[in-house]
Amino acid sequence: MPEPTHKIQDRGLQYAGASRIDGPLFVVERVRDVGYDEVAEIVDDQGRVRTGRVLDVSDRHVVLQVLEGTTGLSNRNTRTRFLGESFRLPVSLNMLGRVFDGLGRPLDGGPEPLSADRRDINGLPINPFSRRYPREFIQTGLSAIDGMNALVRGQKLPIFSGNGLPHDRVAAQIVRQARLLDNKEEFSIIFAAMGVKHDVAQFFIRNFEDSGVLSRVVLFLSLADAPSVERLLTPRMALTYAEHLAFDCGRHVLVLLTDMTNYCESLREIGTARGEIPGRKGYPGYLYSDLASLYERAGRIESAAGSITQVPILTMPSDDISHPVPDLTGYITEGQIVLDRDLTHRGIYPPIAGLPSLSRLMKDGVGKGYTRDDHPALASQLFACYARVKRVRGLADVVGAEELGALDKLYLAFGEAFERRFLNQGEQENRDIATTLDLGWEMLSLLPRDELHRVREALIEEHYGKTVAGAAAASGGKD
């Protein structure tokens, strides 16, 4: 049984040895005055220092999670010192344009952030009493999002993807193009990646450098060969810095977190090592509350001018939207953007599915005073028409397209044009909201006017058939 020793090399109270080493877990007994989530230093017999995090505290022992792994540690010749605080991140505006690892250490060759303000990364969800309702539009430059599933300041809008789908490219494009319509307000982006390969990390860094947006972006990259434990800290580092920018500096902050499935896999790995009773598919029973502790740090508060908007990105194993990670994420967040494998196979980028995607707060951030007064009705009509396209395609699969009526054939033409011209756009193509809305009207102009049941007549008179392509199609539809 290890005995505590005192004042070893003036480094404070230290504990010699360990009672058990199991995977990434390191157990020390007879420890006094140690709290949950406290940071510890573990020194091996070669004098190398590793970092530990307290996972469990009882009367008899303390369980530590070793970030660098326990390989090479011995039960006898290790010394452990508890630092009396949890993980902290120094925060300052000078961190903008920098690249850090998942623990906030520089990866870009620059110096450590200099700041006397060191924040506990385990922030709390925003008190509902202090929240301001999310409003005002954030333009991503992607028509499938801006036109039909708009992102609102203070919202949590996840992207549900699958293995092999281009969610990394979509994420990079959002970072490059996202902006506020009011250019007078400060806008920053925080990008946190968990478990990404080196080539993917370099893709993000080069992409942001070449496009010139790195100066307003901070990257936290936990690489695939980093300890899996690090993935649990990475989103907390990112959100801690986001809170500083939003609530101390008054900036509007967009936080992208990818891939939350990797984060949850690390939770499951640690839970298994601790011998916890597993829940659905082996994930710990507290998966919901753990995800909520991250997602609910987004929003706006009454006492600050800034806001935190979250776009978590997660890959669905086997494209299963009922898998625990997307399922629980959907309960906590306000909608979802779903990437579709069929659209990808047909060469449509971004492959954002029209019908499963939803932004529950869109109605509060678009329309008159925010984007354009026709925006809500236009989006509703596009959804309705595209839903009719899906039904007509199903019928065509049964009876054949040549057996369809004239109106159903118009809907098939509308669906093809909608996917090829509205949803589909270049990876470097940045559409402003006016262009997106005009393109939406061009699509609706492919259908007869009396099919537009969700748009006021005044809006139809103002926008229907005004483009050259739309006017020609509308003329043919009337005949």
Protein backbone atom coordinates (compact mmCIF):
# COMPACT_ATOMS: atom_id res chain seq x y z
CA MET A 1 0.00 0.00 0.00
CA PRO A 2 1.57 3.35 -0.99
CA GLU A 3 2.45 5.79 1.73
CA PRO A 4 2.38 9.59 1.23
CA THR A 5 5.70 11.38 1.35
CA HIS A 6 6.18 15.08 1.88
CA LYS A 7 8.11 17.86 0.18
CA ILE A 8 9.95 15.85 -2.43
CA GLN A 9 12.14 18.40 -4.23
CA ASP A 10 9.81 21.19 -2.98
CA ARG A 11 7.05 20.01 -5.29
CA GLY A 12 4.45 19.65 -2.52
CA LEU A 13 2.72 16.58 -1.09
CA GLN A 14 3.42 13.52 -3.22
CA TYR A 15 2.24 9.91 -3.12
CA ALA A 16 4.62 7.08 -3.93
CA GLY A 17 3.49 4.07 -5.91
CA ALA A 18 0.12 2.88 -7.15
CA SER A 19 -2.21 0.12 -6.01
CA ARG A 20 -3.40 -0.74 -9.54
CA ILE A 21 -2.74 0.16 -13.17
CA ASP A 22 -5.42 -0.82 -15.66
CA GLY A 23 -5.30 0.53 -19.22
CA PRO A 24 -5.35 4.34 -18.99
CA LEU A 25 -6.40 4.18 -15.31
CA PHE A 26 -4.01 4.68 -12.43
CA VAL A 27 -5.24 4.03 -8.88
CA VAL A 28 -3.65 5.61 -5.80
CA GLU A 29 -4.74 4.77 -2.25
CA ARG A 30 -4.81 6.71 1.03
CA VAL A 31 -5.06 10.11 -0.61
CA ARG A 32 -6.28 13.16 1.29
CA ASP A 33 -8.09 16.33 0.15
CA VAL A 34 -8.47 15.49 -3.53
CA GLY A 35 -11.54 16.38 -5.61
CA TYR A 36 -13.22 15.04 -8.72
CA ASP A 37 -11.72 16.28 -12.03
CA GLU A 38 -8.57 17.54 -10.30
CA VAL A 39 -5.32 17.50 -12.29
CA ALA A 40 -2.35 15.46 -11.15
CA GLU A 41 1.27 15.01 -12.20
CA ILE A 42 2.58 11.46 -12.37
CA VAL A 43 6.38 11.02 -12.45
CA ASP A 44 7.78 7.71 -13.65
CA ASP A 45 11.10 6.17 -12.59
CA GLN A 46 12.86 7.99 -15.46
CA GLY A 47 11.72 11.37 -14.18
CA ARG A 48 9.25 11.93 -17.04
CA VAL A 49 6.05 13.73 -16.05
CA ARG A 50 2.62 12.67 -17.25
CA THR A 51 -0.70 14.36 -16.68
CA GLY A 52 -3.60 12.70 -14.90
CA ARG A 53 -7.22 13.64 -14.29
CA VAL A 54 -9.22 12.44 -11.29
CA LEU A 55 -12.17 10.32 -12.38
CA ASP A 56 -13.30 8.85 -9.09
CA VAL A 57 -12.74 9.58 -5.41
CA SER A 58 -13.63 7.37 -2.44
CA ASP A 59 -12.52 6.93 1.14
CA ARG A 60 -9.91 4.36 0.13
CA HIS A 61 -8.65 5.31 -3.32
CA VAL A 62 -8.47 7.84 -6.16
CA VAL A 63 -8.80 6.75 -9.79
CA LEU A 64 -6.76 8.79 -12.27
CA GLN A 65 -7.05 8.89 -16.03
CA VAL A 66 -3.53 9.26 -17.51
CA LEU A 67 -3.57 11.36 -20.67
CA GLU A 68 -0.32 10.00 -22.07
CA GLY A 69 -1.21 6.41 -21.23
CA THR A 70 0.22 4.17 -18.52
CA THR A 71 2.78 2.27 -20.62
CA GLY A 72 6.07 2.13 -18.70
CA LEU A 73 4.60 3.08 -15.32
CA SER A 74 5.27 0.76 -12.41
CA ASN A 75 3.31 0.20 -9.23
CA ARG A 76 6.34 0.91 -7.06
CA ASN A 77 8.46 3.62 -8.63
CA THR A 78 5.96 6.32 -9.52
CA ARG A 79 5.16 9.49 -7.65
CA THR A 80 1.88 11.40 -7.89
CA ARG A 81 1.24 15.02 -7.00
CA PHE A 82 -2.24 16.56 -7.07
CA LEU A 83 -2.34 20.17 -8.21
CA GLY A 84 -5.50 21.28 -6.41
CA GLU A 85 -7.29 22.52 -9.57
CA SER A 86 -8.99 21.18 -12.67
CA PHE A 87 -7.77 21.76 -16.23
CA ARG A 88 -7.56 25.44 -17.09
CA LEU A 89 -7.08 27.39 -20.31
CA PRO A 90 -5.39 30.80 -20.48
CA VAL A 91 -7.61 33.03 -22.62
CA SER A 92 -6.84 36.18 -24.60
CA LEU A 93 -7.64 37.73 -27.96
CA ASN A 94 -4.09 36.91 -29.06
CA MET A 95 -5.17 33.29 -29.52
CA LEU A 96 -7.14 34.18 -32.66
CA GLY A 97 -5.40 32.82 -35.75
CA ARG A 98 -3.60 30.14 -33.73
CA VAL A 99 -3.60 26.33 -33.87
CA PHE A 100 -3.59 24.31 -30.63
CA ASP A 101 -3.80 20.66 -29.70
CA GLY A 102 -6.70 19.22 -27.74
CA LEU A 103 -5.20 20.40 -24.44
CA GLY A 104 -4.60 23.99 -25.56
CA ARG A 105 -0.88 23.58 -26.29
CA PRO A 106 0.44 25.33 -29.44
CA LEU A 107 0.78 23.24 -32.60
CA ASP A 108 1.76 26.13 -34.87
CA GLY A 109 5.23 26.72 -33.45
CA GLY A 110 4.14 29.86 -31.65
CA PRO A 111 4.51 30.60 -27.93
CA GLU A 112 2.19 29.52 -25.17
CA PRO A 113 -0.75 31.93 -24.76
CA LEU A 114 0.17 34.67 -22.30
CA SER A 115 -2.70 35.56 -20.02
CA ALA A 116 -3.29 35.96 -16.32
CA ASP A 117 -6.89 34.86 -16.94
CA ARG A 118 -6.92 31.05 -16.69
CA ARG A 119 -10.41 29.60 -17.03
CA ASP A 120 -11.69 26.29 -15.69
CA ILE A 121 -12.64 24.35 -18.82
CA ASN A 122 -15.57 22.67 -17.06
CA GLY A 123 -17.95 25.54 -17.59
CA LEU A 124 -21.61 25.29 -16.72
CA PRO A 125 -24.62 25.27 -19.04
CA ILE A 126 -26.22 28.68 -19.38
CA ASN A 127 -28.87 29.34 -16.75
CA PRO A 128 -32.26 29.32 -18.54
CA PHE A 129 -33.32 32.40 -16.54
CA SER A 130 -30.38 34.35 -18.01
CA ARG A 131 -30.87 33.24 -21.62
CA ARG A 132 -31.93 35.52 -24.44
CA TYR A 133 -33.97 33.91 -27.19
CA PRO A 134 -31.84 33.01 -30.25
CA ARG A 135 -32.52 35.37 -33.13
CA GLU A 136 -30.78 36.85 -36.18
CA PHE A 137 -29.47 35.00 -39.16
CA ILE A 138 -25.94 33.64 -39.72
CA GLN A 139 -25.14 33.26 -43.42
CA THR A 140 -23.16 30.13 -44.31
CA GLY A 141 -23.14 30.71 -48.09
CA LEU A 142 -24.75 27.28 -48.63
CA SER A 143 -28.23 27.51 -50.18
CA ALA A 144 -29.41 24.21 -48.68
CA ILE A 145 -28.78 25.66 -45.19
CA ASP A 146 -29.47 29.37 -45.64
CA GLY A 147 -32.57 28.94 -47.76
CA MET A 148 -34.32 26.06 -46.01
CA ASN A 149 -32.59 25.32 -42.67
CA ALA A 150 -31.23 28.68 -41.60
CA LEU A 151 -28.75 28.95 -38.73
CA VAL A 152 -29.63 31.48 -36.01
CA ARG A 153 -27.33 33.15 -33.48
CA GLY A 154 -27.31 31.18 -30.24
CA GLN A 155 -28.65 28.00 -31.86
CA LYS A 156 -27.35 24.42 -31.65
CA LEU A 157 -27.69 22.91 -35.13
CA PRO A 158 -25.83 19.59 -35.63
CA ILE A 159 -24.78 18.01 -38.90
CA PHE A 160 -25.55 14.27 -39.12
CA SER A 161 -23.21 12.55 -41.55
CA GLY A 162 -21.91 9.08 -42.33
CA ASN A 163 -18.56 7.46 -42.99
CA GLY A 164 -17.24 8.52 -46.38
CA LEU A 165 -19.56 11.51 -46.74
CA PRO A 166 -17.96 14.96 -47.25
CA HIS A 167 -18.69 16.45 -43.83
CA ASP A 168 -15.09 17.66 -43.51
CA ARG A 169 -15.42 19.63 -46.76
CA VAL A 170 -18.79 21.03 -45.67
CA ALA A 171 -17.34 22.05 -42.30
CA ALA A 172 -14.37 23.78 -43.96
CA GLN A 173 -16.70 25.61 -46.35
CA ILE A 174 -18.88 26.83 -43.48
CA VAL A 175 -15.79 28.14 -41.66
CA ARG A 176 -14.59 29.95 -44.80
CA GLN A 177 -17.94 31.49 -45.70
CA ALA A 178 -19.88 32.05 -42.47
CA ARG A 179 -20.61 35.71 -41.75
CA LEU A 180 -23.08 38.07 -40.16
CA LEU A 181 -25.22 40.27 -42.37
CA ASP A 182 -24.27 43.21 -40.14
CA ASN A 183 -20.56 43.63 -40.83
CA LYS A 184 -20.19 46.09 -37.94
CA GLU A 185 -20.38 43.28 -35.36
CA GLU A 186 -17.34 41.19 -34.44
CA PHE A 187 -17.55 37.56 -35.59
CA SER A 188 -15.16 34.73 -34.73
CA ILE A 189 -15.07 30.99 -35.37
CA ILE A 190 -13.70 28.21 -33.17
CA PHE A 191 -13.02 24.87 -34.80
CA ALA A 192 -12.46 21.81 -32.61
CA ALA A 193 -11.64 18.42 -34.15
CA MET A 194 -11.45 15.18 -32.17
CA GLY A 195 -9.70 12.05 -33.41
CA VAL A 196 -8.83 13.43 -36.86
CA LYS A 197 -6.00 12.01 -38.97
CA HIS A 198 -2.92 14.10 -39.72
CA ASP A 199 -3.87 14.63 -43.38
CA VAL A 200 -7.36 15.83 -42.39
CA ALA A 201 -5.88 18.23 -39.83
CA GLN A 202 -3.50 19.60 -42.49
CA PHE A 203 -6.45 19.95 -44.89
CA PHE A 204 -8.25 22.20 -42.41
CA ILE A 205 -5.18 24.30 -41.61
CA ARG A 206 -4.19 24.82 -45.27
CA ASN A 207 -7.79 25.50 -46.23
CA PHE A 208 -8.17 28.28 -43.70
CA GLU A 209 -4.73 29.73 -44.40
CA ASP A 210 -5.19 29.80 -48.18
CA SER A 211 -8.64 31.38 -47.92
CA GLY A 212 -7.42 34.09 -45.55
CA VAL A 213 -9.93 33.36 -42.77
CA LEU A 214 -7.43 31.94 -40.27
CA SER A 215 -7.08 35.35 -38.61
CA ARG A 216 -10.61 35.07 -37.19
CA VAL A 217 -10.41 31.32 -36.44
CA VAL A 218 -8.96 29.33 -33.53
CA LEU A 219 -8.30 25.62 -34.07
CA PHE A 220 -8.15 22.95 -31.37
CA LEU A 221 -7.00 19.69 -33.02
CA SER A 222 -6.88 16.41 -31.14
CA LEU A 223 -5.18 14.07 -33.59
CA ALA A 224 -6.00 10.40 -34.06
CA ASP A 225 -2.70 9.30 -32.51
CA ALA A 226 -3.22 11.47 -29.43
CA PRO A 227 -4.52 9.77 -26.28
CA SER A 228 -8.24 9.14 -26.58
CA VAL A 229 -8.65 10.79 -23.19
CA GLU A 230 -7.66 14.08 -24.83
CA ARG A 231 -10.85 14.00 -26.93
CA LEU A 232 -12.92 14.45 -23.79
CA LEU A 233 -11.16 17.72 -23.01
CA THR A 234 -10.96 19.21 -26.52
CA PRO A 235 -14.57 20.45 -26.85
CA ARG A 236 -14.39 21.89 -23.35
CA MET A 237 -11.25 23.83 -24.27
CA ALA A 238 -13.00 25.20 -27.36
CA LEU A 239 -16.17 26.18 -25.51
CA THR A 240 -14.20 27.83 -22.69
CA TYR A 241 -12.49 30.10 -25.21
CA ALA A 242 -15.82 30.71 -26.96
CA GLU A 243 -17.33 31.89 -23.67
CA HIS A 244 -14.47 34.34 -23.25
CA LEU A 245 -14.95 35.80 -26.73
CA ALA A 246 -18.75 35.95 -26.47
CA PHE A 247 -19.42 37.01 -22.90
CA ASP A 248 -16.25 38.97 -22.08
CA CYS A 249 -15.39 40.47 -25.48
CA GLY A 250 -18.91 40.83 -26.89
CA ARG A 251 -18.24 38.83 -30.06
CA HIS A 252 -20.58 36.51 -31.91
CA VAL A 253 -18.90 33.10 -32.01
CA LEU A 254 -19.59 30.08 -34.19
CA VAL A 255 -18.22 26.81 -32.73
CA LEU A 256 -17.84 23.71 -34.94
CA LEU A 257 -17.18 20.42 -33.13
CA THR A 258 -16.18 17.38 -35.20
CA ASP A 259 -16.50 14.46 -34.75
CA MET A 260 -18.75 14.08 -31.71
CA THR A 261 -19.00 10.34 -32.36
CA ASN A 262 -15.25 10.08 -31.65
CA TYR A 263 -15.86 11.98 -28.40
CA CYS A 264 -18.59 9.51 -27.41
CA GLU A 265 -16.36 6.55 -28.31
CA SER A 266 -13.79 7.87 -25.82
CA LEU A 267 -16.50 8.14 -23.17
CA ARG A 268 -17.41 4.51 -23.82
CA GLU A 269 -13.77 3.42 -23.69
CA ILE A 270 -13.18 5.08 -20.33
CA GLY A 271 -16.48 3.81 -18.94
CA THR A 272 -15.55 0.26 -19.90
CA ALA A 273 -12.12 0.58 -18.28
CA ARG A 274 -13.77 1.80 -15.08
CA GLY A 275 -16.14 -1.17 -15.06
CA GLU A 276 -19.27 0.97 -15.37
CA ILE A 277 -22.58 -0.69 -16.18
CA PRO A 278 -23.10 0.01 -19.90
CA GLY A 279 -26.24 1.49 -21.44
CA ARG A 280 -27.38 1.41 -25.07
CA LYS A 281 -24.73 -0.11 -27.37
CA GLY A 282 -22.20 -0.06 -24.56
CA TYR A 283 -22.24 3.72 -24.04
CA PRO A 284 -22.35 4.93 -20.43
CA GLY A 285 -25.74 5.69 -18.95
CA TYR A 286 -24.76 9.33 -18.47
CA LEU A 287 -24.13 9.92 -22.20
CA TYR A 288 -27.17 12.20 -22.48
CA SER A 289 -26.18 14.43 -19.56
CA ASP A 290 -22.56 14.54 -20.69
CA LEU A 291 -23.54 15.68 -24.21
CA ALA A 292 -25.98 18.19 -22.71
CA SER A 293 -23.17 19.66 -20.59
CA LEU A 294 -21.44 20.59 -23.87
CA TYR A 295 -24.36 21.54 -26.09
CA GLU A 296 -26.05 23.70 -23.47
CA ARG A 297 -23.03 25.98 -23.26
CA ALA A 298 -24.28 27.58 -26.48
CA GLY A 299 -26.68 30.50 -26.50
CA ARG A 300 -27.08 34.16 -25.60
CA ILE A 301 -27.36 35.76 -22.18
CA GLU A 302 -29.02 38.97 -21.07
CA SER A 303 -25.88 40.53 -19.63
CA ALA A 304 -23.67 40.17 -22.74
CA ALA A 305 -23.83 41.39 -26.31
CA GLY A 306 -22.17 38.31 -27.80
CA SER A 307 -23.48 34.84 -28.58
CA ILE A 308 -22.27 31.26 -28.99
CA THR A 309 -23.70 29.24 -31.87
CA GLN A 310 -22.83 25.55 -32.10
CA VAL A 311 -22.60 23.26 -35.12
CA PRO A 312 -21.65 19.80 -33.80
CA ILE A 313 -20.78 17.31 -36.53
CA LEU A 314 -21.20 13.59 -35.96
CA THR A 315 -20.94 10.48 -38.09
CA MET A 316 -23.78 7.97 -37.75
CA PRO A 317 -22.50 4.35 -37.63
CA SER A 318 -24.09 2.47 -40.55
CA ASP A 319 -26.01 5.68 -41.38
CA ASP A 320 -28.33 4.83 -38.46
CA ILE A 321 -30.04 8.02 -37.28
CA SER A 322 -31.48 6.08 -34.31
CA HIS A 323 -27.96 5.29 -33.03
CA PRO A 324 -27.52 6.64 -29.47
CA VAL A 325 -25.20 9.50 -30.45
CA PRO A 326 -27.41 11.17 -33.12
CA ASP A 327 -30.55 10.14 -31.24
CA LEU A 328 -29.55 11.87 -27.99
CA THR A 329 -28.02 14.80 -29.86
CA GLY A 330 -31.35 15.35 -31.59
CA TYR A 331 -33.15 15.59 -28.24
CA ILE A 332 -30.79 18.29 -26.96
CA THR A 333 -30.29 20.44 -30.06
CA GLU A 334 -32.69 22.51 -32.19
CA GLY A 335 -32.82 20.56 -35.43
CA GLN A 336 -30.34 18.76 -37.66
CA ILE A 337 -28.67 18.98 -41.06
CA VAL A 338 -28.58 15.49 -42.59
CA LEU A 339 -26.11 14.51 -45.30
CA ASP A 340 -27.53 12.04 -47.82
CA ARG A 341 -25.51 9.19 -49.33
CA ASP A 342 -27.71 8.94 -52.43
CA LEU A 343 -27.10 12.61 -53.29
CA THR A 344 -23.36 12.02 -52.88
CA HIS A 345 -23.45 9.09 -55.28
CA ARG A 346 -25.22 11.31 -57.83
CA GLY A 347 -22.45 13.92 -57.61
CA ILE A 348 -24.43 16.57 -55.70
CA TYR A 349 -22.45 18.69 -53.25
CA PRO A 350 -23.21 19.54 -50.52
CA PRO A 351 -25.37 16.40 -50.21
CA ILE A 352 -27.81 17.95 -47.73
CA ALA A 353 -31.05 15.98 -47.63
CA GLY A 354 -34.04 18.25 -48.22
CA LEU A 355 -36.70 16.57 -46.09
CA PRO A 356 -34.93 15.04 -43.02
CA SER A 357 -33.07 18.33 -42.37
CA LEU A 358 -34.72 20.84 -40.06
CA SER A 359 -33.87 24.05 -38.23
CA ARG A 360 -36.40 24.51 -35.44
CA LEU A 361 -35.37 28.12 -34.77
CA MET A 362 -35.26 29.22 -38.40
CA LYS A 363 -38.60 31.05 -38.12
CA ASP A 364 -37.12 33.34 -35.45
CA GLY A 365 -34.09 34.45 -37.46
CA VAL A 366 -35.38 34.99 -41.00
CA GLY A 367 -37.99 37.14 -42.69
CA LYS A 368 -38.57 40.87 -42.57
CA GLY A 369 -35.87 42.68 -40.61
CA TYR A 370 -33.51 39.71 -40.76
CA THR A 371 -33.19 38.35 -44.30
CA ARG A 372 -36.10 39.10 -46.68
CA ASP A 373 -39.84 39.10 -46.10
CA ASP A 374 -40.45 36.28 -48.60
CA HIS A 375 -37.94 33.92 -46.98
CA PRO A 376 -40.23 31.96 -44.59
CA ALA A 377 -42.97 31.35 -47.17
CA LEU A 378 -40.46 30.47 -49.88
CA ALA A 379 -38.76 27.88 -47.67
CA SER A 380 -42.10 26.34 -46.71
CA GLN A 381 -43.18 26.11 -50.34
CA LEU A 382 -39.88 24.53 -51.40
CA PHE A 383 -40.27 21.89 -48.68
CA ALA A 384 -43.83 21.14 -49.79
CA CYS A 385 -42.93 20.86 -53.47
CA TYR A 386 -39.90 18.68 -52.80
CA ALA A 387 -42.03 16.38 -50.64
CA ARG A 388 -44.39 16.02 -53.64
CA VAL A 389 -41.35 15.17 -55.78
CA LYS A 390 -40.46 12.28 -53.47
CA ARG A 391 -43.98 10.88 -53.73
CA VAL A 392 -44.02 11.22 -57.53
CA ARG A 393 -40.63 9.48 -57.79
CA GLY A 394 -41.99 6.60 -55.75
CA LEU A 395 -44.96 6.34 -58.09
CA ALA A 396 -42.69 6.49 -61.15
CA ASP A 397 -40.67 3.58 -59.79
CA VAL A 398 -43.86 1.52 -59.80
CA VAL A 399 -45.66 2.53 -63.01
CA GLY A 400 -42.82 4.15 -64.99
CA ALA A 401 -42.21 7.85 -65.64
CA GLU A 402 -43.90 7.72 -69.06
CA GLU A 403 -47.23 6.79 -67.40
CA LEU A 404 -47.29 9.88 -65.17
CA GLY A 405 -49.60 12.82 -65.75
CA ALA A 406 -48.41 16.16 -67.08
CA LEU A 407 -48.33 17.79 -63.63
CA ASP A 408 -46.37 14.91 -62.10
CA LYS A 409 -43.83 15.19 -64.91
CA LEU A 410 -43.45 18.90 -64.08
CA TYR A 411 -42.72 17.92 -60.48
CA LEU A 412 -40.07 15.45 -61.66
CA ALA A 413 -38.44 18.25 -63.67
CA PHE A 414 -38.68 20.56 -60.65
CA GLY A 415 -37.04 17.94 -58.41
CA GLU A 416 -34.13 17.41 -60.78
CA ALA A 417 -33.58 21.17 -61.15
CA PHE A 418 -33.92 21.72 -57.40
CA GLU A 419 -31.20 19.18 -56.64
CA ARG A 420 -28.88 20.12 -59.51
CA ARG A 421 -29.15 23.89 -59.23
CA PHE A 422 -30.38 24.82 -55.74
CA LEU A 423 -28.87 22.15 -53.47
CA ASN A 424 -25.80 21.62 -55.63
CA GLN A 425 -23.09 24.30 -55.62
CA GLY A 426 -19.36 24.54 -55.96
CA GLU A 427 -17.07 24.01 -53.01
CA GLN A 428 -15.70 27.52 -53.55
CA GLU A 429 -19.10 29.04 -54.40
CA ASN A 430 -20.33 31.44 -51.73
CA ARG A 431 -23.96 32.44 -52.31
CA ASP A 432 -25.38 35.39 -50.40
CA ILE A 433 -28.91 35.10 -49.07
CA ALA A 434 -30.41 37.21 -51.86
CA THR A 435 -28.92 34.91 -54.49
CA THR A 436 -30.24 31.85 -52.64
CA LEU A 437 -33.76 33.26 -52.39
CA ASP A 438 -33.82 34.35 -56.03
CA LEU A 439 -32.68 30.88 -57.04
CA GLY A 440 -35.48 29.40 -54.93
CA TRP A 441 -38.05 31.47 -56.81
CA GLU A 442 -36.48 30.36 -60.07
CA MET A 443 -37.10 26.76 -59.00
CA LEU A 444 -40.73 27.46 -58.03
CA SER A 445 -41.27 29.16 -61.38
CA LEU A 446 -40.83 25.74 -62.98
CA LEU A 447 -44.25 24.83 -61.56
CA PRO A 448 -47.69 26.34 -62.36
CA ARG A 449 -48.70 29.28 -60.16
CA ASP A 450 -51.75 27.49 -58.79
CA GLU A 451 -49.45 24.87 -57.23
CA LEU A 452 -47.92 27.46 -54.88
CA HIS A 453 -50.32 27.12 -51.95
CA ARG A 454 -48.00 28.37 -49.19
CA VAL A 455 -47.04 31.73 -50.67
CA ARG A 456 -49.13 34.89 -50.57
CA GLU A 457 -50.38 36.17 -53.91
CA ALA A 458 -48.49 39.44 -53.43
CA LEU A 459 -45.19 37.53 -53.17
CA ILE A 460 -46.06 35.47 -56.23
CA GLU A 461 -46.73 38.65 -58.19
CA GLU A 462 -43.41 40.11 -57.05
CA HIS A 463 -41.11 37.13 -57.61
CA TYR A 464 -42.71 34.40 -59.74
CA GLY A 465 -41.19 33.97 -63.22
CA LYS A 466 -38.93 37.02 -62.91
CA THR A 467 -35.78 35.22 -64.03
CA VAL A 468 -35.24 34.38 -67.68
CA ALA A 469 -35.17 30.59 -67.05
CA GLY A 470 -38.10 30.78 -64.68
CA ALA A 471 -40.23 32.91 -67.00
CA ALA A 472 -39.69 30.52 -69.93
CA ALA A 473 -40.60 27.51 -67.80
CA ALA A 474 -43.64 29.29 -66.34
CA SER A 475 -44.89 30.13 -69.83
CA GLY A 476 -44.57 26.50 -70.86
CA GLY A 477 -46.35 25.36 -67.70
CA LYS A 478 -49.39 27.57 -68.44
CA ASP A 479 -49.79 26.17 -71.89
